[in-house]
Amino acid sequence: MITEFYGKELYLYRDLLSEHFTKVIELYPEKKDKVLEELLNHTQVFIEKGLTGHIIVQHLMLQYFLHGSEDTIQELVTEKLVEQLVKIVHTKEGSKIAMRCLWYSKAKERKLIIRTFKGHIKDMCMNENSYLVLCALFDCVDDTVLIKKSILSEIMENLDFITMSQIGRLLINYILAPRSTKLFPPSIIEALAVGDTNKVSKKRPRSQKTRGFNLRLSRNYR
């Protein structure tokens, strides 16, 4: 069923495509643009009709967010999609989509995303997928005042509860020691490093950017 959404260009490779979209694109690069065009069209429909909560839809959308251009992804991050992100951050595919929305969207859309997370931070901190979205957020969002007000304040209010969770402690450790090779496996570090080349974030040293968060958290997290 999933392979039908890729269009006629890759129909002959549907058996391989069902499991290895990236591999097929690498083997047949001449078909990439046409297939991505098909995926973009479907993605726009999914967003407009509010269908992003379905796992199959998330899988298809993720293929575009992984292989499409940063500029086009930025155009997809409309208010319509932003409103749906908080509902998909807890799935593997949804969290990867949300991370790329944060990395590639403009400052205005990033603020909208953060505001939609309000009231959901505690749950996001303790989920194995959505905590990575928060890690990506701390990495790329330059408005530290907004982060403190909308994200860190909610973490502080629920710190005792969050630190009872193994996943919650990972999020706290990431804020205190981002990209620490002693605390995080290479797979996590590499996944988050994808966003480092985005065109929107200022390239401030990570230690400088998170110093204020570290000080406030370290006083309470012992």
N, C-alpha and C. Protein backbone atom coordinates (compact mmCIF):
# COMPACT_ATOMS: atom_id res chain seq x y z
N MET A 1 0.83 -1.21 0.00
CA MET A 1 0.00 0.00 0.00
C MET A 1 0.86 1.26 0.00
N ILE A 2 1.90 1.29 0.84
CA ILE A 2 2.76 2.46 0.94
C ILE A 2 3.42 2.77 -0.40
N THR A 3 3.87 1.73 -1.09
CA THR A 3 4.62 1.94 -2.33
C THR A 3 3.79 2.62 -3.41
N GLU A 4 2.48 2.53 -3.34
CA GLU A 4 1.62 3.16 -4.35
C GLU A 4 1.74 4.68 -4.32
N PHE A 5 2.11 5.24 -3.17
CA PHE A 5 2.21 6.69 -3.04
C PHE A 5 3.47 7.24 -3.70
N TYR A 6 4.42 6.39 -4.06
CA TYR A 6 5.65 6.86 -4.67
C TYR A 6 5.51 7.11 -6.17
N GLY A 7 4.37 6.72 -6.72
CA GLY A 7 4.13 6.97 -8.14
C GLY A 7 4.63 5.84 -9.03
N LYS A 8 4.39 5.99 -10.32
CA LYS A 8 4.72 4.96 -11.30
C LYS A 8 6.22 4.80 -11.52
N GLU A 9 6.99 5.85 -11.21
CA GLU A 9 8.42 5.82 -11.48
C GLU A 9 9.13 4.65 -10.80
N LEU A 10 8.67 4.29 -9.61
CA LEU A 10 9.35 3.24 -8.85
C LEU A 10 8.50 1.98 -8.69
N TYR A 11 7.47 1.84 -9.49
CA TYR A 11 6.58 0.70 -9.33
C TYR A 11 7.31 -0.63 -9.49
N LEU A 12 8.24 -0.70 -10.42
CA LEU A 12 8.98 -1.95 -10.66
C LEU A 12 9.82 -2.37 -9.46
N TYR A 13 10.11 -1.42 -8.57
CA TYR A 13 10.99 -1.71 -7.44
C TYR A 13 10.19 -1.73 -6.13
N ARG A 14 8.89 -2.01 -6.21
CA ARG A 14 8.00 -1.88 -5.06
C ARG A 14 8.38 -2.82 -3.92
N ASP A 15 8.91 -4.02 -4.24
CA ASP A 15 9.27 -4.97 -3.17
C ASP A 15 10.42 -4.42 -2.33
N LEU A 16 11.45 -3.91 -2.99
CA LEU A 16 12.57 -3.32 -2.29
C LEU A 16 12.16 -1.99 -1.65
N LEU A 17 11.30 -1.25 -2.32
CA LEU A 17 10.90 0.08 -1.88
C LEU A 17 10.15 0.06 -0.56
N SER A 18 9.40 -1.00 -0.33
CA SER A 18 8.59 -1.07 0.89
C SER A 18 9.44 -1.01 2.15
N GLU A 19 10.69 -1.40 2.05
CA GLU A 19 11.57 -1.41 3.22
C GLU A 19 12.75 -0.46 3.09
N HIS A 20 13.16 -0.15 1.87
CA HIS A 20 14.43 0.58 1.69
C HIS A 20 14.29 1.72 0.67
N PHE A 21 13.52 2.73 1.03
CA PHE A 21 13.32 3.86 0.12
C PHE A 21 14.65 4.53 -0.21
N THR A 22 15.46 4.77 0.82
CA THR A 22 16.75 5.45 0.62
C THR A 22 17.64 4.66 -0.32
N LYS A 23 17.64 3.34 -0.19
CA LYS A 23 18.46 2.48 -1.03
C LYS A 23 18.04 2.58 -2.49
N VAL A 24 16.74 2.60 -2.73
CA VAL A 24 16.23 2.69 -4.10
C VAL A 24 16.63 4.02 -4.73
N ILE A 25 16.53 5.09 -3.95
CA ILE A 25 16.91 6.42 -4.45
C ILE A 25 18.40 6.45 -4.80
N GLU A 26 19.20 5.78 -4.00
CA GLU A 26 20.63 5.73 -4.28
C GLU A 26 20.93 4.92 -5.53
N LEU A 27 20.19 3.84 -5.74
CA LEU A 27 20.41 2.98 -6.90
C LEU A 27 19.90 3.61 -8.19
N TYR A 28 18.84 4.41 -8.09
CA TYR A 28 18.23 5.01 -9.28
C TYR A 28 18.07 6.52 -9.09
N PRO A 29 19.18 7.25 -9.00
CA PRO A 29 19.14 8.70 -8.72
C PRO A 29 18.38 9.50 -9.77
N GLU A 30 18.30 8.97 -10.99
CA GLU A 30 17.60 9.69 -12.05
C GLU A 30 16.09 9.78 -11.79
N LYS A 31 15.58 8.95 -10.90
CA LYS A 31 14.16 8.94 -10.60
C LYS A 31 13.83 9.76 -9.34
N LYS A 32 14.84 10.25 -8.67
CA LYS A 32 14.65 10.91 -7.38
C LYS A 32 13.72 12.11 -7.48
N ASP A 33 13.97 13.02 -8.40
CA ASP A 33 13.20 14.26 -8.48
C ASP A 33 11.72 13.99 -8.71
N LYS A 34 11.42 13.05 -9.60
CA LYS A 34 10.03 12.74 -9.90
C LYS A 34 9.33 12.13 -8.70
N VAL A 35 10.02 11.23 -8.02
CA VAL A 35 9.43 10.57 -6.85
C VAL A 35 9.21 11.57 -5.72
N LEU A 36 10.18 12.45 -5.50
CA LEU A 36 10.03 13.46 -4.45
C LEU A 36 8.90 14.43 -4.77
N GLU A 37 8.70 14.69 -6.04
CA GLU A 37 7.57 15.54 -6.44
C GLU A 37 6.25 14.88 -6.06
N GLU A 38 6.16 13.57 -6.29
CA GLU A 38 4.96 12.81 -5.91
C GLU A 38 4.77 12.87 -4.39
N LEU A 39 5.85 12.65 -3.66
CA LEU A 39 5.77 12.66 -2.20
C LEU A 39 5.38 14.04 -1.67
N LEU A 40 5.91 15.07 -2.28
CA LEU A 40 5.58 16.44 -1.86
C LEU A 40 4.09 16.71 -2.04
N ASN A 41 3.56 16.29 -3.17
CA ASN A 41 2.13 16.49 -3.42
C ASN A 41 1.28 15.78 -2.38
N HIS A 42 1.65 14.54 -2.08
CA HIS A 42 0.90 13.79 -1.07
C HIS A 42 1.05 14.43 0.30
N THR A 43 2.27 14.86 0.63
CA THR A 43 2.53 15.47 1.93
C THR A 43 1.68 16.72 2.14
N GLN A 44 1.57 17.53 1.12
CA GLN A 44 0.76 18.75 1.21
C GLN A 44 -0.71 18.41 1.47
N VAL A 45 -1.19 17.35 0.83
CA VAL A 45 -2.58 16.92 1.04
C VAL A 45 -2.74 16.40 2.47
N PHE A 46 -1.80 15.59 2.94
CA PHE A 46 -1.87 15.05 4.30
C PHE A 46 -1.95 16.17 5.33
N ILE A 47 -1.12 17.19 5.15
CA ILE A 47 -1.09 18.31 6.08
C ILE A 47 -2.40 19.09 6.03
N GLU A 48 -2.86 19.39 4.84
CA GLU A 48 -4.07 20.19 4.67
C GLU A 48 -5.29 19.49 5.26
N LYS A 49 -5.35 18.16 5.13
CA LYS A 49 -6.51 17.40 5.61
C LYS A 49 -6.32 16.92 7.06
N GLY A 50 -5.19 17.26 7.68
CA GLY A 50 -4.97 16.89 9.08
C GLY A 50 -4.82 15.40 9.30
N LEU A 51 -4.15 14.72 8.38
CA LEU A 51 -4.02 13.26 8.44
C LEU A 51 -2.69 12.78 9.03
N THR A 52 -1.92 13.69 9.58
CA THR A 52 -0.56 13.35 10.00
C THR A 52 -0.50 12.40 11.19
N GLY A 53 -1.61 12.16 11.85
CA GLY A 53 -1.61 11.26 13.00
C GLY A 53 -1.49 9.79 12.64
N HIS A 54 -1.69 9.46 11.37
CA HIS A 54 -1.62 8.07 10.93
C HIS A 54 -0.16 7.65 10.69
N ILE A 55 0.20 6.48 11.16
CA ILE A 55 1.58 6.00 11.06
C ILE A 55 2.04 5.89 9.62
N ILE A 56 1.19 5.39 8.74
CA ILE A 56 1.56 5.26 7.33
C ILE A 56 1.85 6.63 6.73
N VAL A 57 1.02 7.60 7.09
CA VAL A 57 1.20 8.97 6.61
C VAL A 57 2.53 9.53 7.11
N GLN A 58 2.83 9.29 8.37
CA GLN A 58 4.10 9.77 8.93
C GLN A 58 5.29 9.14 8.22
N HIS A 59 5.18 7.87 7.91
CA HIS A 59 6.26 7.17 7.19
C HIS A 59 6.51 7.82 5.84
N LEU A 60 5.45 8.10 5.11
CA LEU A 60 5.58 8.70 3.79
C LEU A 60 6.12 10.13 3.88
N MET A 61 5.57 10.90 4.82
CA MET A 61 6.04 12.27 4.99
C MET A 61 7.51 12.31 5.36
N LEU A 62 7.93 11.38 6.21
CA LEU A 62 9.33 11.36 6.64
C LEU A 62 10.27 11.16 5.47
N GLN A 63 9.88 10.35 4.50
CA GLN A 63 10.75 10.15 3.34
C GLN A 63 11.02 11.48 2.63
N TYR A 64 9.99 12.32 2.56
CA TYR A 64 10.22 13.63 1.94
C TYR A 64 11.08 14.52 2.83
N PHE A 65 10.81 14.49 4.13
CA PHE A 65 11.59 15.33 5.05
C PHE A 65 13.05 14.88 5.13
N LEU A 66 13.31 13.61 4.81
CA LEU A 66 14.69 13.11 4.80
C LEU A 66 15.42 13.45 3.51
N HIS A 67 14.69 13.49 2.39
CA HIS A 67 15.34 13.61 1.08
C HIS A 67 15.01 14.89 0.33
N GLY A 68 13.99 15.63 0.78
CA GLY A 68 13.64 16.87 0.11
C GLY A 68 14.59 18.00 0.46
N SER A 69 14.46 19.12 -0.24
CA SER A 69 15.35 20.26 0.00
C SER A 69 14.94 20.99 1.27
N GLU A 70 15.92 21.61 1.91
CA GLU A 70 15.66 22.36 3.14
C GLU A 70 14.68 23.50 2.87
N ASP A 71 14.82 24.17 1.74
CA ASP A 71 13.94 25.30 1.42
C ASP A 71 12.49 24.86 1.26
N THR A 72 12.28 23.73 0.61
CA THR A 72 10.92 23.24 0.41
C THR A 72 10.31 22.78 1.72
N ILE A 73 11.11 22.13 2.55
CA ILE A 73 10.63 21.71 3.87
C ILE A 73 10.23 22.94 4.68
N GLN A 74 11.03 23.99 4.58
CA GLN A 74 10.71 25.24 5.28
C GLN A 74 9.34 25.76 4.87
N GLU A 75 9.01 25.64 3.58
CA GLU A 75 7.72 26.08 3.07
C GLU A 75 6.58 25.21 3.59
N LEU A 76 6.87 23.95 3.90
CA LEU A 76 5.84 23.04 4.41
C LEU A 76 5.46 23.35 5.85
N VAL A 77 6.38 23.99 6.58
CA VAL A 77 6.14 24.25 8.01
C VAL A 77 5.22 25.46 8.15
N THR A 78 3.96 25.24 7.84
CA THR A 78 2.92 26.26 7.96
C THR A 78 2.22 26.09 9.31
N GLU A 79 1.37 27.04 9.62
CA GLU A 79 0.61 26.95 10.87
C GLU A 79 -0.21 25.68 10.92
N LYS A 80 -0.68 25.23 9.76
CA LYS A 80 -1.49 24.02 9.68
C LYS A 80 -0.70 22.80 10.15
N LEU A 81 0.56 22.69 9.73
CA LEU A 81 1.38 21.57 10.16
C LEU A 81 1.82 21.75 11.61
N VAL A 82 2.18 22.95 11.98
CA VAL A 82 2.64 23.23 13.35
C VAL A 82 1.61 22.76 14.37
N GLU A 83 0.35 23.00 14.09
CA GLU A 83 -0.72 22.60 15.01
C GLU A 83 -0.79 21.09 15.21
N GLN A 84 -0.28 20.34 14.24
CA GLN A 84 -0.38 18.87 14.30
C GLN A 84 0.86 18.21 14.90
N LEU A 85 1.95 18.96 15.02
CA LEU A 85 3.21 18.34 15.44
C LEU A 85 3.15 17.72 16.82
N VAL A 86 2.51 18.41 17.76
CA VAL A 86 2.49 17.91 19.14
C VAL A 86 1.80 16.55 19.23
N LYS A 87 0.98 16.23 18.24
CA LYS A 87 0.25 14.96 18.24
C LYS A 87 1.08 13.81 17.67
N ILE A 88 2.21 14.14 17.03
CA ILE A 88 3.00 13.08 16.38
C ILE A 88 4.41 12.93 16.95
N VAL A 89 4.79 13.80 17.90
CA VAL A 89 6.17 13.76 18.40
C VAL A 89 6.51 12.50 19.17
N HIS A 90 5.51 11.73 19.59
CA HIS A 90 5.77 10.55 20.40
C HIS A 90 6.04 9.28 19.59
N THR A 91 5.92 9.37 18.27
CA THR A 91 6.25 8.22 17.42
C THR A 91 7.64 8.42 16.82
N LYS A 92 8.23 7.33 16.39
CA LYS A 92 9.58 7.40 15.82
C LYS A 92 9.62 8.29 14.59
N GLU A 93 8.70 8.05 13.66
CA GLU A 93 8.67 8.85 12.43
C GLU A 93 8.26 10.28 12.72
N GLY A 94 7.26 10.45 13.58
CA GLY A 94 6.77 11.78 13.89
C GLY A 94 7.81 12.66 14.56
N SER A 95 8.61 12.06 15.44
CA SER A 95 9.65 12.85 16.11
C SER A 95 10.71 13.32 15.12
N LYS A 96 11.02 12.49 14.14
CA LYS A 96 12.01 12.89 13.13
C LYS A 96 11.48 14.01 12.24
N ILE A 97 10.18 13.96 11.96
CA ILE A 97 9.56 15.04 11.19
C ILE A 97 9.60 16.34 12.00
N ALA A 98 9.24 16.24 13.28
CA ALA A 98 9.21 17.42 14.14
C ALA A 98 10.60 18.04 14.29
N MET A 99 11.60 17.20 14.40
CA MET A 99 12.98 17.72 14.51
C MET A 99 13.35 18.51 13.27
N ARG A 100 12.98 18.01 12.12
CA ARG A 100 13.33 18.71 10.88
C ARG A 100 12.50 19.97 10.69
N CYS A 101 11.29 19.98 11.23
CA CYS A 101 10.51 21.21 11.22
C CYS A 101 11.21 22.28 12.05
N LEU A 102 11.75 21.90 13.19
CA LEU A 102 12.47 22.85 14.03
C LEU A 102 13.75 23.32 13.34
N TRP A 103 14.50 22.39 12.79
CA TRP A 103 15.79 22.74 12.18
C TRP A 103 15.62 23.67 10.99
N TYR A 104 14.63 23.40 10.15
CA TYR A 104 14.57 24.08 8.86
C TYR A 104 13.56 25.22 8.79
N SER A 105 12.77 25.41 9.84
CA SER A 105 11.78 26.50 9.80
C SER A 105 12.41 27.82 10.24
N LYS A 106 11.73 28.90 9.93
CA LYS A 106 12.19 30.23 10.30
C LYS A 106 11.87 30.50 11.78
N ALA A 107 12.43 31.59 12.30
CA ALA A 107 12.27 31.90 13.72
C ALA A 107 10.79 32.01 14.12
N LYS A 108 9.97 32.61 13.25
CA LYS A 108 8.55 32.79 13.56
C LYS A 108 7.86 31.44 13.74
N GLU A 109 8.12 30.51 12.82
CA GLU A 109 7.50 29.18 12.92
C GLU A 109 8.05 28.40 14.10
N ARG A 110 9.32 28.59 14.43
CA ARG A 110 9.88 27.92 15.60
C ARG A 110 9.15 28.35 16.88
N LYS A 111 8.85 29.63 16.95
CA LYS A 111 8.12 30.13 18.12
C LYS A 111 6.73 29.51 18.20
N LEU A 112 6.08 29.38 17.06
CA LEU A 112 4.76 28.76 17.03
C LEU A 112 4.83 27.30 17.49
N ILE A 113 5.86 26.59 17.05
CA ILE A 113 6.03 25.19 17.45
C ILE A 113 6.20 25.10 18.96
N ILE A 114 7.06 25.95 19.51
CA ILE A 114 7.31 25.94 20.95
C ILE A 114 6.03 26.20 21.73
N ARG A 115 5.23 27.14 21.25
CA ARG A 115 4.00 27.47 21.96
C ARG A 115 2.99 26.32 21.93
N THR A 116 3.00 25.54 20.84
CA THR A 116 2.08 24.39 20.79
C THR A 116 2.53 23.27 21.73
N PHE A 117 3.80 23.28 22.12
CA PHE A 117 4.30 22.27 23.04
C PHE A 117 3.92 22.58 24.49
N LYS A 118 3.50 23.80 24.74
CA LYS A 118 3.16 24.21 26.11
C LYS A 118 2.10 23.28 26.70
N GLY A 119 2.35 22.80 27.91
CA GLY A 119 1.43 21.89 28.57
C GLY A 119 1.71 20.43 28.26
N HIS A 120 2.64 20.17 27.33
CA HIS A 120 2.97 18.80 26.93
C HIS A 120 4.44 18.44 27.25
N ILE A 121 5.16 19.39 27.81
CA ILE A 121 6.60 19.20 28.00
C ILE A 121 6.92 18.03 28.91
N LYS A 122 6.20 17.89 29.99
CA LYS A 122 6.47 16.80 30.93
C LYS A 122 6.39 15.45 30.23
N ASP A 123 5.33 15.24 29.48
CA ASP A 123 5.16 13.97 28.76
C ASP A 123 6.23 13.80 27.69
N MET A 124 6.58 14.88 27.01
CA MET A 124 7.60 14.80 25.97
C MET A 124 8.96 14.42 26.56
N CYS A 125 9.24 14.90 27.75
CA CYS A 125 10.53 14.60 28.40
C CYS A 125 10.70 13.12 28.69
N MET A 126 9.60 12.42 28.84
CA MET A 126 9.68 11.03 29.31
C MET A 126 9.35 10.01 28.22
N ASN A 127 9.30 10.46 26.99
CA ASN A 127 9.04 9.55 25.88
C ASN A 127 10.32 9.37 25.07
N GLU A 128 10.62 8.15 24.66
CA GLU A 128 11.89 7.84 24.00
C GLU A 128 12.06 8.54 22.66
N ASN A 129 10.97 8.97 22.06
CA ASN A 129 11.06 9.68 20.77
C ASN A 129 10.97 11.20 20.94
N SER A 130 9.99 11.65 21.70
CA SER A 130 9.76 13.10 21.81
C SER A 130 10.85 13.82 22.60
N TYR A 131 11.57 13.12 23.48
CA TYR A 131 12.64 13.81 24.19
C TYR A 131 13.72 14.28 23.22
N LEU A 132 13.88 13.55 22.12
CA LEU A 132 14.87 13.95 21.11
C LEU A 132 14.44 15.24 20.39
N VAL A 133 13.13 15.45 20.28
CA VAL A 133 12.64 16.70 19.70
C VAL A 133 13.03 17.86 20.59
N LEU A 134 12.93 17.67 21.91
CA LEU A 134 13.33 18.72 22.84
C LEU A 134 14.84 18.94 22.79
N CYS A 135 15.61 17.88 22.63
CA CYS A 135 17.07 18.03 22.47
C CYS A 135 17.37 18.88 21.24
N ALA A 136 16.69 18.57 20.14
CA ALA A 136 16.88 19.34 18.91
C ALA A 136 16.48 20.79 19.11
N LEU A 137 15.42 21.00 19.87
CA LEU A 137 14.95 22.36 20.15
C LEU A 137 16.01 23.16 20.91
N PHE A 138 16.57 22.55 21.96
CA PHE A 138 17.62 23.23 22.73
C PHE A 138 18.84 23.53 21.86
N ASP A 139 19.10 22.67 20.90
CA ASP A 139 20.24 22.86 20.00
C ASP A 139 20.06 24.05 19.07
N CYS A 140 18.88 24.17 18.48
CA CYS A 140 18.75 25.07 17.32
C CYS A 140 18.03 26.38 17.57
N VAL A 141 17.19 26.47 18.60
CA VAL A 141 16.42 27.69 18.81
C VAL A 141 17.29 28.73 19.52
N ASP A 142 17.39 29.90 18.92
CA ASP A 142 18.26 30.94 19.45
C ASP A 142 17.60 31.80 20.52
N ASP A 143 16.28 31.80 20.57
CA ASP A 143 15.56 32.64 21.52
C ASP A 143 15.56 31.97 22.90
N THR A 144 16.62 32.20 23.66
CA THR A 144 16.75 31.54 24.96
C THR A 144 15.71 32.03 25.96
N VAL A 145 15.26 33.27 25.82
CA VAL A 145 14.23 33.79 26.72
C VAL A 145 12.94 33.00 26.54
N LEU A 146 12.58 32.75 25.30
CA LEU A 146 11.38 31.97 25.00
C LEU A 146 11.51 30.55 25.51
N ILE A 147 12.69 29.95 25.34
CA ILE A 147 12.91 28.58 25.82
C ILE A 147 12.76 28.51 27.33
N LYS A 148 13.35 29.47 28.04
CA LYS A 148 13.25 29.47 29.50
C LYS A 148 11.80 29.62 29.95
N LYS A 149 11.07 30.50 29.28
CA LYS A 149 9.69 30.78 29.67
C LYS A 149 8.74 29.65 29.32
N SER A 150 8.91 29.08 28.14
CA SER A 150 7.94 28.10 27.64
C SER A 150 8.33 26.64 27.85
N ILE A 151 9.62 26.36 27.90
CA ILE A 151 10.08 24.97 27.99
C ILE A 151 10.73 24.68 29.35
N LEU A 152 11.75 25.45 29.67
CA LEU A 152 12.50 25.16 30.89
C LEU A 152 11.65 25.35 32.14
N SER A 153 10.77 26.32 32.14
CA SER A 153 9.93 26.55 33.31
C SER A 153 9.05 25.34 33.60
N GLU A 154 8.53 24.71 32.54
CA GLU A 154 7.69 23.53 32.72
C GLU A 154 8.51 22.33 33.16
N ILE A 155 9.74 22.26 32.68
CA ILE A 155 10.64 21.19 33.14
C ILE A 155 10.93 21.36 34.63
N MET A 156 11.21 22.60 35.05
CA MET A 156 11.51 22.86 36.45
C MET A 156 10.33 22.53 37.36
N GLU A 157 9.12 22.85 36.90
CA GLU A 157 7.92 22.58 37.69
C GLU A 157 7.72 21.07 37.91
N ASN A 158 8.20 20.28 36.98
CA ASN A 158 7.98 18.83 37.04
C ASN A 158 9.29 18.05 37.18
N LEU A 159 10.34 18.72 37.64
CA LEU A 159 11.67 18.13 37.64
C LEU A 159 11.74 16.83 38.44
N ASP A 160 11.15 16.81 39.62
CA ASP A 160 11.19 15.60 40.45
C ASP A 160 10.55 14.43 39.73
N PHE A 161 9.42 14.69 39.08
CA PHE A 161 8.70 13.63 38.36
C PHE A 161 9.49 13.18 37.14
N ILE A 162 10.04 14.16 36.41
CA ILE A 162 10.79 13.85 35.19
C ILE A 162 12.03 13.02 35.49
N THR A 163 12.74 13.36 36.55
CA THR A 163 13.99 12.66 36.87
C THR A 163 13.75 11.25 37.43
N MET A 164 12.50 10.92 37.69
CA MET A 164 12.18 9.54 38.09
C MET A 164 12.18 8.62 36.86
N SER A 165 12.12 9.23 35.69
CA SER A 165 12.09 8.47 34.44
C SER A 165 13.49 8.40 33.84
N GLN A 166 13.86 7.23 33.33
CA GLN A 166 15.17 7.07 32.69
C GLN A 166 15.29 7.99 31.48
N ILE A 167 14.23 8.09 30.69
CA ILE A 167 14.25 8.96 29.52
C ILE A 167 14.30 10.42 29.96
N GLY A 168 13.57 10.75 30.99
CA GLY A 168 13.59 12.11 31.51
C GLY A 168 14.98 12.53 31.95
N ARG A 169 15.71 11.61 32.55
CA ARG A 169 17.08 11.93 32.99
C ARG A 169 18.00 12.15 31.78
N LEU A 170 17.71 11.43 30.68
CA LEU A 170 18.50 11.64 29.46
C LEU A 170 18.33 13.07 28.95
N LEU A 171 17.09 13.55 28.98
CA LEU A 171 16.83 14.92 28.52
C LEU A 171 17.56 15.93 29.40
N ILE A 172 17.49 15.74 30.71
CA ILE A 172 18.18 16.65 31.64
C ILE A 172 19.68 16.59 31.40
N ASN A 173 20.21 15.40 31.22
CA ASN A 173 21.65 15.26 30.97
C ASN A 173 22.05 15.93 29.66
N TYR A 174 21.15 15.89 28.68
CA TYR A 174 21.48 16.54 27.40
C TYR A 174 21.58 18.05 27.56
N ILE A 175 20.70 18.60 28.37
CA ILE A 175 20.76 20.04 28.61
C ILE A 175 22.05 20.41 29.35
N LEU A 176 22.41 19.57 30.32
CA LEU A 176 23.60 19.84 31.12
C LEU A 176 24.89 19.53 30.37
N ALA A 177 24.86 18.48 29.56
CA ALA A 177 26.08 18.06 28.84
C ALA A 177 25.73 17.59 27.44
N PRO A 178 25.34 18.52 26.57
CA PRO A 178 24.90 18.15 25.21
C PRO A 178 26.00 17.44 24.41
N ARG A 179 25.59 16.41 23.71
CA ARG A 179 26.46 15.62 22.83
C ARG A 179 27.59 14.92 23.60
N SER A 180 27.41 14.71 24.89
CA SER A 180 28.44 14.02 25.66
C SER A 180 28.56 12.58 25.20
N THR A 181 29.75 12.18 24.80
CA THR A 181 29.96 10.81 24.34
C THR A 181 29.94 9.81 25.50
N LYS A 182 30.02 10.33 26.72
CA LYS A 182 29.95 9.46 27.90
C LYS A 182 28.51 9.14 28.26
N LEU A 183 27.59 9.99 27.83
CA LEU A 183 26.19 9.83 28.21
C LEU A 183 25.30 9.35 27.07
N PHE A 184 25.73 9.64 25.81
CA PHE A 184 24.87 9.33 24.67
C PHE A 184 25.62 8.50 23.63
N PRO A 185 24.93 7.50 23.07
CA PRO A 185 25.57 6.66 22.04
C PRO A 185 25.76 7.44 20.75
N PRO A 186 26.67 6.99 19.89
CA PRO A 186 26.92 7.67 18.62
C PRO A 186 25.66 7.87 17.78
N SER A 187 24.74 6.92 17.82
CA SER A 187 23.53 7.01 17.00
C SER A 187 22.69 8.24 17.37
N ILE A 188 22.60 8.54 18.65
CA ILE A 188 21.83 9.71 19.10
C ILE A 188 22.56 11.00 18.73
N ILE A 189 23.85 11.02 18.97
CA ILE A 189 24.65 12.21 18.65
C ILE A 189 24.60 12.50 17.16
N GLU A 190 24.72 11.46 16.35
CA GLU A 190 24.69 11.64 14.89
C GLU A 190 23.31 12.11 14.42
N ALA A 191 22.25 11.58 15.03
CA ALA A 191 20.90 11.97 14.64
C ALA A 191 20.65 13.45 14.92
N LEU A 192 21.15 13.94 16.05
CA LEU A 192 20.96 15.34 16.42
C LEU A 192 21.90 16.27 15.65
N ALA A 193 23.05 15.74 15.26
CA ALA A 193 24.03 16.56 14.53
C ALA A 193 23.55 16.93 13.13
N VAL A 194 22.55 16.21 12.62
CA VAL A 194 22.01 16.50 11.29
C VAL A 194 21.54 17.96 11.22
N GLY A 195 21.00 18.45 12.33
CA GLY A 195 20.47 19.81 12.33
C GLY A 195 21.49 20.91 12.44
N ASP A 196 22.75 20.56 12.65
CA ASP A 196 23.78 21.58 12.87
C ASP A 196 24.04 22.45 11.65
N THR A 197 23.71 21.97 10.49
CA THR A 197 24.00 22.72 9.26
C THR A 197 22.81 23.55 8.77
N ASN A 198 21.76 23.63 9.58
CA ASN A 198 20.59 24.39 9.13
C ASN A 198 20.95 25.86 8.90
N LYS A 199 20.20 26.51 8.01
CA LYS A 199 20.53 27.86 7.56
C LYS A 199 19.98 28.96 8.48
N VAL A 200 19.18 28.58 9.46
CA VAL A 200 18.47 29.58 10.26
C VAL A 200 19.17 29.91 11.57
N SER A 201 19.65 28.88 12.28
CA SER A 201 20.22 29.11 13.61
C SER A 201 21.53 29.88 13.53
N LYS A 202 21.74 30.72 14.53
CA LYS A 202 23.03 31.39 14.66
C LYS A 202 24.04 30.35 15.14
N LYS A 203 25.28 30.50 14.72
CA LYS A 203 26.29 29.49 15.04
C LYS A 203 27.04 29.85 16.32
N ARG A 204 26.28 30.00 17.41
CA ARG A 204 26.92 30.29 18.68
C ARG A 204 27.43 29.00 19.29
N PRO A 205 28.52 29.08 20.07
CA PRO A 205 29.01 27.88 20.75
C PRO A 205 27.93 27.27 21.63
N ARG A 206 27.79 25.95 21.57
CA ARG A 206 26.74 25.29 22.34
C ARG A 206 26.87 25.57 23.84
N SER A 207 28.10 25.62 24.34
CA SER A 207 28.30 25.84 25.77
C SER A 207 27.79 27.23 26.19
N GLN A 208 27.99 28.21 25.34
CA GLN A 208 27.53 29.57 25.63
C GLN A 208 26.00 29.63 25.59
N LYS A 209 25.43 28.93 24.65
CA LYS A 209 23.99 28.96 24.45
C LYS A 209 23.24 28.33 25.61
N THR A 210 23.79 27.29 26.22
CA THR A 210 23.09 26.55 27.26
C THR A 210 23.58 26.86 28.67
N ARG A 211 24.49 27.80 28.80
CA ARG A 211 25.06 28.08 30.12
C ARG A 211 23.99 28.46 31.13
N GLY A 212 23.05 29.31 30.72
CA GLY A 212 21.99 29.74 31.63
C GLY A 212 21.09 28.59 32.03
N PHE A 213 20.80 27.69 31.10
CA PHE A 213 19.98 26.53 31.42
C PHE A 213 20.72 25.63 32.41
N ASN A 214 22.00 25.43 32.16
CA ASN A 214 22.80 24.55 33.00
C ASN A 214 22.82 25.02 34.45
N LEU A 215 23.02 26.32 34.63
CA LEU A 215 23.11 26.87 35.97
C LEU A 215 21.82 26.67 36.74
N ARG A 216 20.71 26.95 36.07
CA ARG A 216 19.42 26.83 36.74
C ARG A 216 19.08 25.38 37.05
N LEU A 217 19.36 24.48 36.13
CA LEU A 217 19.06 23.07 36.34
C LEU A 217 19.98 22.43 37.37
N SER A 218 21.28 22.75 37.30
CA SER A 218 22.24 22.10 38.17
C SER A 218 21.98 22.40 39.64
N ARG A 219 21.33 23.51 39.92
CA ARG A 219 21.01 23.86 41.30
C ARG A 219 19.92 22.97 41.87
N ASN A 220 19.12 22.39 40.96
CA ASN A 220 17.97 21.58 41.39
C ASN A 220 18.14 20.10 41.10
N TYR A 221 19.02 19.77 40.20
CA TYR A 221 19.20 18.38 39.77
C TYR A 221 20.50 17.85 40.34
N ARG A 222 20.40 17.16 41.42
CA ARG A 222 21.60 16.63 42.09
C ARG A 222 21.37 15.16 42.43
